[in-house]
Amino acid sequence: MIELIGTVFTLLVLIIGMVQIAKLFPARLSTRQKKCWHLAHVVFVIIYFSGVVGALLLTSLATTVVTDHEQIRAAHMFARYFDWFLIIPGAIGCIISGVWISLRTSWGLFKYYWIMIKTLGNITAVLFGSTLVRIWFEEPINLTAAGQINPLDNPAYLHSHTMLLVGTIISLAILISLLLISYIKPWGKRLSKAAAADL
């Protein structure tokens, strides 16, 4: 619970801080700057996706192809490294670059429903990953430590492994949904207060 509160607080401070910083720069991004920020956003998305797909691959191989105790442990440790060095930086980079692009262009952070949904979806993915999935990354490593029984014979390990697999699939599904929303932009612009009053 403390991790969840800490992550929510950190994300709120980050986004509010970016909103305040954007107010110091009233001019919008130039075309070149916008392209650079879009490129950075795409790179962070690729890093994020590759981390989640890599972790999913290693997690699924940990009990299907690999049967040696040390190899199972190694697969889970490498999946955790994917989390540390790809998923977390990719997620933070996506939030920072996405929010900055929204704030410094005509899109705005709250003008379009699809931007609001993308921002909330990314925050949800970060919260889900930083609380539940983080625990599921750690448990299989602890349960495959030296001296433990064979992981494939340990019900606690099999449960943790299954939860990690399900959590990683959910994370990947969230990312694919965010990618589709970004590409399709299914929801339009929010109605202004004056236009809503006319209805």
N, C-alpha and C. Protein backbone atom coordinates (compact mmCIF):
# COMPACT_ATOMS: atom_id res chain seq x y z
N MET A 1 0.82 -1.20 0.00
CA MET A 1 0.00 0.00 0.00
C MET A 1 0.86 1.26 0.00
N ILE A 2 1.98 1.21 0.75
CA ILE A 2 2.88 2.35 0.82
C ILE A 2 3.49 2.63 -0.55
N GLU A 3 3.83 1.54 -1.29
CA GLU A 3 4.40 1.70 -2.63
C GLU A 3 3.40 2.39 -3.56
N LEU A 4 2.12 2.00 -3.45
CA LEU A 4 1.08 2.60 -4.28
C LEU A 4 0.94 4.09 -4.00
N ILE A 5 0.87 4.45 -2.72
CA ILE A 5 0.74 5.86 -2.34
C ILE A 5 1.97 6.65 -2.80
N GLY A 6 3.14 6.07 -2.62
CA GLY A 6 4.37 6.73 -3.04
C GLY A 6 4.43 6.95 -4.55
N THR A 7 3.99 5.94 -5.31
CA THR A 7 3.99 6.05 -6.77
C THR A 7 2.97 7.08 -7.23
N VAL A 8 1.77 7.06 -6.65
CA VAL A 8 0.75 8.05 -7.01
C VAL A 8 1.26 9.47 -6.72
N PHE A 9 1.84 9.65 -5.54
CA PHE A 9 2.37 10.96 -5.16
C PHE A 9 3.47 11.40 -6.13
N THR A 10 4.37 10.50 -6.47
CA THR A 10 5.47 10.82 -7.39
C THR A 10 4.93 11.22 -8.76
N LEU A 11 3.96 10.46 -9.27
CA LEU A 11 3.38 10.78 -10.58
C LEU A 11 2.66 12.12 -10.56
N LEU A 12 1.91 12.39 -9.49
CA LEU A 12 1.20 13.67 -9.38
C LEU A 12 2.19 14.83 -9.33
N VAL A 13 3.23 14.69 -8.53
CA VAL A 13 4.24 15.75 -8.45
C VAL A 13 4.91 15.95 -9.81
N LEU A 14 5.21 14.85 -10.49
CA LEU A 14 5.84 14.94 -11.81
C LEU A 14 4.95 15.68 -12.81
N ILE A 15 3.69 15.29 -12.89
CA ILE A 15 2.78 15.90 -13.86
C ILE A 15 2.47 17.35 -13.50
N ILE A 16 2.20 17.62 -12.22
CA ILE A 16 1.93 19.00 -11.80
C ILE A 16 3.17 19.87 -12.03
N GLY A 17 4.34 19.32 -11.74
CA GLY A 17 5.59 20.06 -12.00
C GLY A 17 5.76 20.38 -13.47
N MET A 18 5.43 19.42 -14.33
CA MET A 18 5.54 19.67 -15.77
C MET A 18 4.54 20.73 -16.23
N VAL A 19 3.34 20.71 -15.66
CA VAL A 19 2.34 21.74 -16.00
C VAL A 19 2.87 23.11 -15.60
N GLN A 20 3.47 23.22 -14.42
CA GLN A 20 4.00 24.50 -13.96
C GLN A 20 5.18 24.96 -14.82
N ILE A 21 6.04 24.03 -15.19
CA ILE A 21 7.18 24.37 -16.05
C ILE A 21 6.69 24.82 -17.43
N ALA A 22 5.66 24.14 -17.95
CA ALA A 22 5.12 24.51 -19.27
C ALA A 22 4.57 25.92 -19.26
N LYS A 23 4.06 26.38 -18.13
CA LYS A 23 3.54 27.74 -18.04
C LYS A 23 4.65 28.78 -18.18
N LEU A 24 5.89 28.39 -17.86
CA LEU A 24 7.02 29.31 -18.00
C LEU A 24 7.44 29.50 -19.46
N PHE A 25 6.99 28.58 -20.31
CA PHE A 25 7.31 28.64 -21.74
C PHE A 25 6.01 28.78 -22.52
N PRO A 26 5.50 29.99 -22.67
CA PRO A 26 4.19 30.15 -23.31
C PRO A 26 4.18 29.78 -24.79
N ALA A 27 5.33 29.90 -25.47
CA ALA A 27 5.36 29.56 -26.90
C ALA A 27 5.25 28.05 -27.07
N ARG A 28 4.57 27.66 -28.13
CA ARG A 28 4.43 26.22 -28.41
C ARG A 28 5.72 25.69 -29.02
N LEU A 29 5.82 24.38 -29.04
CA LEU A 29 6.99 23.75 -29.63
C LEU A 29 7.06 24.06 -31.12
N SER A 30 8.25 24.30 -31.62
CA SER A 30 8.42 24.48 -33.06
C SER A 30 8.22 23.13 -33.74
N THR A 31 8.12 23.14 -35.05
CA THR A 31 7.93 21.89 -35.78
C THR A 31 9.09 20.94 -35.52
N ARG A 32 10.29 21.45 -35.53
CA ARG A 32 11.47 20.62 -35.29
C ARG A 32 11.46 20.06 -33.86
N GLN A 33 11.15 20.91 -32.89
CA GLN A 33 11.09 20.45 -31.50
C GLN A 33 10.00 19.38 -31.32
N LYS A 34 8.86 19.61 -31.97
CA LYS A 34 7.75 18.65 -31.86
C LYS A 34 8.18 17.30 -32.43
N LYS A 35 8.89 17.32 -33.57
CA LYS A 35 9.36 16.06 -34.16
C LYS A 35 10.35 15.36 -33.24
N CYS A 36 11.23 16.12 -32.61
CA CYS A 36 12.21 15.54 -31.69
C CYS A 36 11.51 14.90 -30.49
N TRP A 37 10.52 15.61 -29.93
CA TRP A 37 9.79 15.06 -28.79
C TRP A 37 8.97 13.84 -29.20
N HIS A 38 8.40 13.85 -30.39
CA HIS A 38 7.66 12.68 -30.88
C HIS A 38 8.60 11.49 -31.04
N LEU A 39 9.79 11.76 -31.59
CA LEU A 39 10.77 10.69 -31.74
C LEU A 39 11.15 10.11 -30.38
N ALA A 40 11.39 10.99 -29.40
CA ALA A 40 11.72 10.51 -28.06
C ALA A 40 10.59 9.67 -27.49
N HIS A 41 9.35 10.12 -27.71
CA HIS A 41 8.19 9.37 -27.21
C HIS A 41 8.14 7.98 -27.84
N VAL A 42 8.35 7.91 -29.14
CA VAL A 42 8.33 6.62 -29.83
C VAL A 42 9.45 5.71 -29.32
N VAL A 43 10.64 6.27 -29.10
CA VAL A 43 11.76 5.48 -28.57
C VAL A 43 11.41 4.92 -27.19
N PHE A 44 10.80 5.75 -26.33
CA PHE A 44 10.41 5.26 -25.00
C PHE A 44 9.33 4.18 -25.10
N VAL A 45 8.42 4.32 -26.04
CA VAL A 45 7.39 3.29 -26.24
C VAL A 45 8.05 1.97 -26.65
N ILE A 46 9.03 2.05 -27.55
CA ILE A 46 9.73 0.84 -28.00
C ILE A 46 10.47 0.19 -26.82
N ILE A 47 11.14 0.99 -26.02
CA ILE A 47 11.84 0.47 -24.84
C ILE A 47 10.85 -0.21 -23.89
N TYR A 48 9.73 0.45 -23.64
CA TYR A 48 8.68 -0.07 -22.76
C TYR A 48 8.14 -1.40 -23.29
N PHE A 49 7.77 -1.43 -24.57
CA PHE A 49 7.25 -2.65 -25.18
C PHE A 49 8.27 -3.77 -25.14
N SER A 50 9.53 -3.47 -25.50
CA SER A 50 10.54 -4.52 -25.53
C SER A 50 10.77 -5.10 -24.14
N GLY A 51 10.72 -4.25 -23.11
CA GLY A 51 10.86 -4.75 -21.75
C GLY A 51 9.74 -5.68 -21.35
N VAL A 52 8.50 -5.28 -21.65
CA VAL A 52 7.35 -6.12 -21.28
C VAL A 52 7.35 -7.43 -22.07
N VAL A 53 7.63 -7.35 -23.38
CA VAL A 53 7.64 -8.57 -24.20
C VAL A 53 8.79 -9.48 -23.77
N GLY A 54 9.96 -8.91 -23.49
CA GLY A 54 11.09 -9.71 -23.02
C GLY A 54 10.80 -10.39 -21.69
N ALA A 55 10.21 -9.64 -20.76
CA ALA A 55 9.86 -10.22 -19.46
C ALA A 55 8.82 -11.33 -19.63
N LEU A 56 7.86 -11.11 -20.51
CA LEU A 56 6.85 -12.15 -20.78
C LEU A 56 7.49 -13.40 -21.37
N LEU A 57 8.40 -13.22 -22.29
CA LEU A 57 9.08 -14.36 -22.91
C LEU A 57 9.89 -15.14 -21.88
N LEU A 58 10.68 -14.43 -21.09
CA LEU A 58 11.49 -15.10 -20.07
C LEU A 58 10.63 -15.80 -19.02
N THR A 59 9.54 -15.15 -18.62
CA THR A 59 8.65 -15.74 -17.62
C THR A 59 7.99 -17.00 -18.16
N SER A 60 7.55 -16.96 -19.41
CA SER A 60 6.89 -18.14 -19.97
C SER A 60 7.88 -19.28 -20.19
N LEU A 61 9.14 -18.94 -20.54
CA LEU A 61 10.14 -19.98 -20.74
C LEU A 61 10.61 -20.61 -19.43
N ALA A 62 10.41 -19.90 -18.32
CA ALA A 62 10.92 -20.36 -17.03
C ALA A 62 10.35 -21.71 -16.61
N THR A 63 9.19 -22.07 -17.09
CA THR A 63 8.62 -23.37 -16.70
C THR A 63 8.28 -24.25 -17.90
N THR A 64 8.38 -23.73 -19.10
CA THR A 64 8.02 -24.55 -20.25
C THR A 64 9.24 -25.17 -20.93
N VAL A 65 10.31 -24.40 -21.12
CA VAL A 65 11.49 -24.89 -21.81
C VAL A 65 12.59 -25.25 -20.81
N VAL A 66 12.78 -24.39 -19.82
CA VAL A 66 13.83 -24.56 -18.84
C VAL A 66 13.30 -25.41 -17.68
N THR A 67 14.09 -26.40 -17.26
CA THR A 67 13.66 -27.23 -16.13
C THR A 67 14.69 -27.26 -15.01
N ASP A 68 15.89 -26.78 -15.26
CA ASP A 68 16.94 -26.75 -14.24
C ASP A 68 16.67 -25.62 -13.26
N HIS A 69 16.87 -25.92 -11.98
CA HIS A 69 16.60 -24.97 -10.89
C HIS A 69 17.32 -23.63 -11.12
N GLU A 70 18.62 -23.68 -11.42
CA GLU A 70 19.39 -22.45 -11.60
C GLU A 70 18.97 -21.69 -12.85
N GLN A 71 18.61 -22.40 -13.90
CA GLN A 71 18.16 -21.73 -15.12
C GLN A 71 16.81 -21.04 -14.92
N ILE A 72 15.94 -21.68 -14.14
CA ILE A 72 14.65 -21.05 -13.83
C ILE A 72 14.88 -19.77 -13.04
N ARG A 73 15.77 -19.83 -12.05
CA ARG A 73 16.10 -18.64 -11.26
C ARG A 73 16.70 -17.56 -12.16
N ALA A 74 17.61 -17.94 -13.05
CA ALA A 74 18.24 -16.97 -13.95
C ALA A 74 17.21 -16.31 -14.86
N ALA A 75 16.25 -17.10 -15.36
CA ALA A 75 15.21 -16.53 -16.23
C ALA A 75 14.41 -15.46 -15.49
N HIS A 76 14.08 -15.73 -14.23
CA HIS A 76 13.33 -14.75 -13.44
C HIS A 76 14.18 -13.53 -13.09
N MET A 77 15.46 -13.74 -12.85
CA MET A 77 16.33 -12.60 -12.55
C MET A 77 16.47 -11.70 -13.77
N PHE A 78 16.62 -12.29 -14.96
CA PHE A 78 16.71 -11.49 -16.17
C PHE A 78 15.40 -10.78 -16.46
N ALA A 79 14.27 -11.42 -16.17
CA ALA A 79 12.97 -10.75 -16.33
C ALA A 79 12.89 -9.54 -15.42
N ARG A 80 13.41 -9.67 -14.20
CA ARG A 80 13.42 -8.54 -13.27
C ARG A 80 14.34 -7.43 -13.79
N TYR A 81 15.47 -7.79 -14.40
CA TYR A 81 16.35 -6.78 -14.99
C TYR A 81 15.65 -6.05 -16.14
N PHE A 82 14.86 -6.78 -16.90
CA PHE A 82 14.07 -6.13 -17.96
C PHE A 82 13.15 -5.08 -17.33
N ASP A 83 12.58 -5.43 -16.18
CA ASP A 83 11.70 -4.48 -15.49
C ASP A 83 12.49 -3.25 -15.06
N TRP A 84 13.62 -3.47 -14.42
CA TRP A 84 14.42 -2.35 -13.91
C TRP A 84 14.96 -1.45 -15.01
N PHE A 85 15.49 -2.05 -16.08
CA PHE A 85 16.27 -1.29 -17.05
C PHE A 85 15.54 -0.99 -18.35
N LEU A 86 14.37 -1.57 -18.57
CA LEU A 86 13.60 -1.28 -19.79
C LEU A 86 12.19 -0.79 -19.45
N ILE A 87 11.45 -1.56 -18.66
CA ILE A 87 10.05 -1.22 -18.42
C ILE A 87 9.92 0.08 -17.63
N ILE A 88 10.63 0.20 -16.52
CA ILE A 88 10.50 1.40 -15.68
C ILE A 88 10.97 2.65 -16.42
N PRO A 89 12.19 2.66 -17.01
CA PRO A 89 12.60 3.87 -17.75
C PRO A 89 11.68 4.17 -18.93
N GLY A 90 11.23 3.12 -19.63
CA GLY A 90 10.33 3.33 -20.76
C GLY A 90 9.01 3.95 -20.34
N ALA A 91 8.45 3.47 -19.23
CA ALA A 91 7.17 3.99 -18.73
C ALA A 91 7.31 5.45 -18.30
N ILE A 92 8.37 5.75 -17.55
CA ILE A 92 8.57 7.13 -17.10
C ILE A 92 8.83 8.05 -18.28
N GLY A 93 9.64 7.58 -19.23
CA GLY A 93 9.90 8.37 -20.43
C GLY A 93 8.63 8.63 -21.24
N CYS A 94 7.75 7.62 -21.32
CA CYS A 94 6.48 7.80 -22.04
C CYS A 94 5.61 8.86 -21.37
N ILE A 95 5.53 8.80 -20.06
CA ILE A 95 4.71 9.79 -19.34
C ILE A 95 5.29 11.18 -19.53
N ILE A 96 6.59 11.34 -19.32
CA ILE A 96 7.20 12.66 -19.43
C ILE A 96 7.07 13.22 -20.84
N SER A 97 7.45 12.44 -21.84
CA SER A 97 7.39 12.95 -23.22
C SER A 97 5.95 13.17 -23.68
N GLY A 98 5.05 12.27 -23.33
CA GLY A 98 3.65 12.43 -23.73
C GLY A 98 2.98 13.64 -23.11
N VAL A 99 3.20 13.83 -21.81
CA VAL A 99 2.61 14.99 -21.14
C VAL A 99 3.23 16.28 -21.67
N TRP A 100 4.55 16.28 -21.88
CA TRP A 100 5.20 17.49 -22.38
C TRP A 100 4.70 17.87 -23.78
N ILE A 101 4.55 16.88 -24.65
CA ILE A 101 4.02 17.15 -26.00
C ILE A 101 2.61 17.72 -25.90
N SER A 102 1.80 17.14 -25.05
CA SER A 102 0.42 17.62 -24.89
C SER A 102 0.38 19.05 -24.37
N LEU A 103 1.24 19.35 -23.40
CA LEU A 103 1.23 20.68 -22.79
C LEU A 103 1.78 21.75 -23.73
N ARG A 104 2.73 21.39 -24.58
CA ARG A 104 3.42 22.39 -25.40
C ARG A 104 2.93 22.45 -26.84
N THR A 105 1.81 21.79 -27.13
CA THR A 105 1.21 21.86 -28.47
C THR A 105 -0.25 22.28 -28.32
N SER A 106 -0.93 22.36 -29.43
CA SER A 106 -2.34 22.76 -29.39
C SER A 106 -3.24 21.66 -28.82
N TRP A 107 -2.70 20.45 -28.64
CA TRP A 107 -3.52 19.36 -28.13
C TRP A 107 -3.98 19.61 -26.70
N GLY A 108 -3.08 20.04 -25.85
CA GLY A 108 -3.44 20.23 -24.45
C GLY A 108 -3.62 18.90 -23.74
N LEU A 109 -3.54 18.94 -22.44
CA LEU A 109 -3.65 17.70 -21.65
C LEU A 109 -5.10 17.29 -21.43
N PHE A 110 -6.02 18.27 -21.47
CA PHE A 110 -7.43 17.97 -21.19
C PHE A 110 -8.38 18.39 -22.30
N LYS A 111 -7.87 18.65 -23.49
CA LYS A 111 -8.73 19.09 -24.60
C LYS A 111 -9.34 17.92 -25.37
N TYR A 112 -8.63 16.81 -25.42
CA TYR A 112 -9.08 15.65 -26.20
C TYR A 112 -9.25 14.44 -25.29
N TYR A 113 -10.34 13.73 -25.51
CA TYR A 113 -10.60 12.54 -24.69
C TYR A 113 -9.51 11.49 -24.86
N TRP A 114 -9.02 11.30 -26.09
CA TRP A 114 -8.04 10.25 -26.32
C TRP A 114 -6.73 10.54 -25.59
N ILE A 115 -6.36 11.80 -25.45
CA ILE A 115 -5.14 12.14 -24.70
C ILE A 115 -5.36 11.89 -23.21
N MET A 116 -6.54 12.24 -22.72
CA MET A 116 -6.84 11.99 -21.31
C MET A 116 -6.82 10.48 -21.01
N ILE A 117 -7.43 9.69 -21.89
CA ILE A 117 -7.48 8.24 -21.69
C ILE A 117 -6.06 7.65 -21.77
N LYS A 118 -5.25 8.13 -22.73
CA LYS A 118 -3.88 7.64 -22.83
C LYS A 118 -3.08 7.97 -21.58
N THR A 119 -3.23 9.17 -21.07
CA THR A 119 -2.49 9.57 -19.87
C THR A 119 -2.93 8.73 -18.68
N LEU A 120 -4.24 8.58 -18.50
CA LEU A 120 -4.75 7.75 -17.40
C LEU A 120 -4.35 6.29 -17.56
N GLY A 121 -4.36 5.80 -18.80
CA GLY A 121 -3.96 4.41 -19.06
C GLY A 121 -2.50 4.17 -18.74
N ASN A 122 -1.67 5.14 -19.10
CA ASN A 122 -0.24 4.99 -18.79
C ASN A 122 0.00 5.05 -17.29
N ILE A 123 -0.70 5.94 -16.61
CA ILE A 123 -0.58 6.02 -15.15
C ILE A 123 -1.07 4.72 -14.51
N THR A 124 -2.17 4.17 -15.02
CA THR A 124 -2.69 2.88 -14.52
C THR A 124 -1.67 1.77 -14.72
N ALA A 125 -1.04 1.74 -15.89
CA ALA A 125 -0.03 0.72 -16.16
C ALA A 125 1.15 0.85 -15.20
N VAL A 126 1.57 2.08 -14.93
CA VAL A 126 2.68 2.31 -14.00
C VAL A 126 2.28 1.87 -12.58
N LEU A 127 1.08 2.23 -12.16
CA LEU A 127 0.62 1.84 -10.81
C LEU A 127 0.50 0.33 -10.69
N PHE A 128 -0.05 -0.31 -11.70
CA PHE A 128 -0.19 -1.77 -11.71
C PHE A 128 1.19 -2.43 -11.66
N GLY A 129 2.11 -1.91 -12.48
CA GLY A 129 3.45 -2.49 -12.52
C GLY A 129 4.25 -2.25 -11.26
N SER A 130 4.08 -1.07 -10.66
CA SER A 130 4.89 -0.74 -9.49
C SER A 130 4.37 -1.36 -8.21
N THR A 131 3.18 -1.88 -8.22
CA THR A 131 2.65 -2.52 -7.01
C THR A 131 2.59 -4.03 -7.19
N LEU A 132 1.63 -4.52 -7.93
CA LEU A 132 1.42 -5.97 -8.03
C LEU A 132 2.50 -6.67 -8.83
N VAL A 133 2.78 -6.18 -10.03
CA VAL A 133 3.74 -6.89 -10.88
C VAL A 133 5.13 -6.88 -10.25
N ARG A 134 5.49 -5.81 -9.57
CA ARG A 134 6.79 -5.74 -8.90
C ARG A 134 6.92 -6.86 -7.87
N ILE A 135 5.86 -7.10 -7.12
CA ILE A 135 5.85 -8.18 -6.13
C ILE A 135 5.99 -9.53 -6.84
N TRP A 136 5.27 -9.68 -7.95
CA TRP A 136 5.31 -10.94 -8.68
C TRP A 136 6.66 -11.17 -9.36
N PHE A 137 7.42 -10.11 -9.63
CA PHE A 137 8.78 -10.29 -10.14
C PHE A 137 9.71 -10.80 -9.04
N GLU A 138 9.50 -10.34 -7.81
CA GLU A 138 10.39 -10.68 -6.70
C GLU A 138 10.12 -12.08 -6.12
N GLU A 139 8.85 -12.46 -5.99
CA GLU A 139 8.51 -13.73 -5.34
C GLU A 139 9.14 -14.95 -6.00
N PRO A 140 9.06 -15.09 -7.35
CA PRO A 140 9.69 -16.28 -7.95
C PRO A 140 11.19 -16.35 -7.71
N ILE A 141 11.85 -15.18 -7.65
CA ILE A 141 13.30 -15.18 -7.39
C ILE A 141 13.57 -15.67 -5.97
N ASN A 142 12.78 -15.19 -5.02
CA ASN A 142 12.96 -15.63 -3.63
C ASN A 142 12.65 -17.12 -3.48
N LEU A 143 11.65 -17.59 -4.21
CA LEU A 143 11.25 -19.00 -4.08
C LEU A 143 12.16 -19.95 -4.85
N THR A 144 13.08 -19.40 -5.67
CA THR A 144 14.03 -20.26 -6.37
C THR A 144 15.43 -20.11 -5.79
N ALA A 145 15.55 -19.52 -4.61
CA ALA A 145 16.85 -19.34 -3.97
C ALA A 145 17.46 -20.71 -3.64
N ALA A 146 18.76 -20.70 -3.46
CA ALA A 146 19.47 -21.94 -3.14
C ALA A 146 18.87 -22.57 -1.88
N GLY A 147 18.74 -23.87 -1.91
CA GLY A 147 18.21 -24.59 -0.76
C GLY A 147 16.70 -24.80 -0.81
N GLN A 148 16.02 -24.10 -1.71
CA GLN A 148 14.57 -24.29 -1.85
C GLN A 148 14.31 -25.58 -2.62
N ILE A 149 13.10 -26.09 -2.50
CA ILE A 149 12.75 -27.30 -3.26
C ILE A 149 12.65 -26.93 -4.73
N ASN A 150 12.65 -27.93 -5.58
CA ASN A 150 12.55 -27.70 -7.02
C ASN A 150 11.33 -26.81 -7.29
N PRO A 151 11.52 -25.70 -8.01
CA PRO A 151 10.40 -24.78 -8.24
C PRO A 151 9.18 -25.44 -8.89
N LEU A 152 9.43 -26.39 -9.76
CA LEU A 152 8.31 -27.03 -10.46
C LEU A 152 7.49 -27.93 -9.54
N ASP A 153 8.02 -28.22 -8.35
CA ASP A 153 7.29 -29.01 -7.36
C ASP A 153 6.75 -28.15 -6.22
N ASN A 154 6.96 -26.85 -6.30
CA ASN A 154 6.58 -25.93 -5.23
C ASN A 154 5.30 -25.18 -5.62
N PRO A 155 4.16 -25.45 -4.95
CA PRO A 155 2.91 -24.77 -5.30
C PRO A 155 2.99 -23.24 -5.15
N ALA A 156 3.75 -22.76 -4.16
CA ALA A 156 3.89 -21.31 -3.98
C ALA A 156 4.60 -20.68 -5.16
N TYR A 157 5.64 -21.36 -5.65
CA TYR A 157 6.35 -20.85 -6.84
C TYR A 157 5.43 -20.86 -8.06
N LEU A 158 4.74 -21.97 -8.26
CA LEU A 158 3.86 -22.08 -9.43
C LEU A 158 2.78 -20.99 -9.41
N HIS A 159 2.25 -20.69 -8.22
CA HIS A 159 1.25 -19.61 -8.11
C HIS A 159 1.87 -18.26 -8.44
N SER A 160 3.05 -17.97 -7.88
CA SER A 160 3.72 -16.69 -8.14
C SER A 160 4.07 -16.57 -9.62
N HIS A 161 4.54 -17.67 -10.20
CA HIS A 161 4.89 -17.66 -11.62
C HIS A 161 3.65 -17.37 -12.47
N THR A 162 2.54 -18.01 -12.14
CA THR A 162 1.30 -17.79 -12.89
C THR A 162 0.84 -16.34 -12.75
N MET A 163 0.90 -15.80 -11.55
CA MET A 163 0.48 -14.41 -11.34
C MET A 163 1.38 -13.45 -12.12
N LEU A 164 2.70 -13.73 -12.16
CA LEU A 164 3.61 -12.89 -12.93
C LEU A 164 3.29 -12.97 -14.42
N LEU A 165 2.99 -14.16 -14.88
CA LEU A 165 2.63 -14.34 -16.29
C LEU A 165 1.36 -13.57 -16.63
N VAL A 166 0.34 -13.70 -15.79
CA VAL A 166 -0.93 -12.99 -16.00
C VAL A 166 -0.72 -11.48 -15.92
N GLY A 167 0.05 -11.02 -14.92
CA GLY A 167 0.31 -9.60 -14.77
C GLY A 167 1.05 -9.01 -15.96
N THR A 168 2.00 -9.76 -16.50
CA THR A 168 2.74 -9.29 -17.66
C THR A 168 1.85 -9.24 -18.89
N ILE A 169 0.96 -10.21 -19.04
CA ILE A 169 0.02 -10.21 -20.17
C ILE A 169 -0.94 -9.03 -20.05
N ILE A 170 -1.40 -8.74 -18.84
CA ILE A 170 -2.28 -7.57 -18.63
C ILE A 170 -1.53 -6.28 -18.97
N SER A 171 -0.28 -6.18 -18.55
CA SER A 171 0.52 -4.99 -18.87
C SER A 171 0.68 -4.83 -20.37
N LEU A 172 0.94 -5.93 -21.06
CA LEU A 172 1.09 -5.87 -22.51
C LEU A 172 -0.23 -5.47 -23.18
N ALA A 173 -1.34 -5.98 -22.66
CA ALA A 173 -2.66 -5.62 -23.22
C ALA A 173 -2.94 -4.13 -23.03
N ILE A 174 -2.56 -3.59 -21.87
CA ILE A 174 -2.75 -2.15 -21.64
C ILE A 174 -1.92 -1.35 -22.64
N LEU A 175 -0.67 -1.76 -22.85
CA LEU A 175 0.20 -1.04 -23.78
C LEU A 175 -0.31 -1.10 -25.21
N ILE A 176 -0.80 -2.26 -25.63
CA ILE A 176 -1.36 -2.38 -26.98
C ILE A 176 -2.59 -1.50 -27.12
N SER A 177 -3.42 -1.46 -26.08
CA SER A 177 -4.60 -0.59 -26.11
C SER A 177 -4.21 0.87 -26.23
N LEU A 178 -3.19 1.29 -25.49
CA LEU A 178 -2.72 2.69 -25.55
C LEU A 178 -2.15 3.00 -26.93
N LEU A 179 -1.46 2.03 -27.52
CA LEU A 179 -0.92 2.23 -28.86
C LEU A 179 -2.04 2.41 -29.88
N LEU A 180 -3.08 1.58 -29.77
CA LEU A 180 -4.22 1.70 -30.69
C LEU A 180 -4.95 3.03 -30.50
N ILE A 181 -5.13 3.45 -29.25
CA ILE A 181 -5.78 4.74 -28.99
C ILE A 181 -4.96 5.86 -29.60
N SER A 182 -3.64 5.79 -29.48
CA SER A 182 -2.78 6.82 -30.02
C SER A 182 -2.86 6.86 -31.55
N TYR A 183 -2.98 5.71 -32.17
CA TYR A 183 -3.02 5.64 -33.62
C TYR A 183 -4.40 6.01 -34.18
N ILE A 184 -5.45 5.47 -33.58
CA ILE A 184 -6.81 5.66 -34.10
C ILE A 184 -7.42 6.98 -33.63
N LYS A 185 -7.07 7.42 -32.42
CA LYS A 185 -7.65 8.62 -31.81
C LYS A 185 -9.19 8.56 -31.87
N PRO A 186 -9.77 7.57 -31.21
CA PRO A 186 -11.20 7.30 -31.39
C PRO A 186 -12.14 8.34 -30.81
N TRP A 187 -11.68 9.13 -29.85
CA TRP A 187 -12.57 10.10 -29.23
C TRP A 187 -12.10 11.49 -29.61
N GLY A 188 -13.02 12.35 -29.88
CA GLY A 188 -12.69 13.69 -30.34
C GLY A 188 -12.40 14.67 -29.23
N LYS A 189 -12.58 15.93 -29.60
CA LYS A 189 -12.30 17.03 -28.69
C LYS A 189 -13.44 17.16 -27.68
N ARG A 190 -13.08 17.53 -26.46
CA ARG A 190 -14.09 17.78 -25.44
C ARG A 190 -14.85 19.05 -25.79
N LEU A 191 -16.11 19.08 -25.46
CA LEU A 191 -16.91 20.28 -25.69
C LEU A 191 -16.51 21.37 -24.71
N SER A 192 -16.43 22.57 -25.20
CA SER A 192 -16.16 23.69 -24.29
C SER A 192 -17.42 23.93 -23.44
N LYS A 193 -17.28 24.68 -22.37
CA LYS A 193 -18.43 24.95 -21.50
C LYS A 193 -19.52 25.70 -22.25
N ALA A 194 -19.14 26.62 -23.11
CA ALA A 194 -20.14 27.40 -23.89
C ALA A 194 -20.88 26.49 -24.85
N ALA A 195 -20.14 25.57 -25.53
CA ALA A 195 -20.80 24.67 -26.47
C ALA A 195 -21.70 23.67 -25.75
N ALA A 196 -21.27 23.22 -24.58
CA ALA A 196 -22.10 22.29 -23.80
C ALA A 196 -23.36 22.98 -23.31
N ALA A 197 -23.28 24.26 -22.97
CA ALA A 197 -24.45 25.02 -22.51
C ALA A 197 -25.47 25.19 -23.64
N ASP A 198 -25.00 25.28 -24.88
CA ASP A 198 -25.90 25.44 -26.02
C ASP A 198 -26.71 24.17 -26.31
N LEU A 199 -26.18 23.02 -25.86
CA LEU A 199 -26.90 21.77 -26.10
C LEU A 199 -28.04 21.70 -25.15
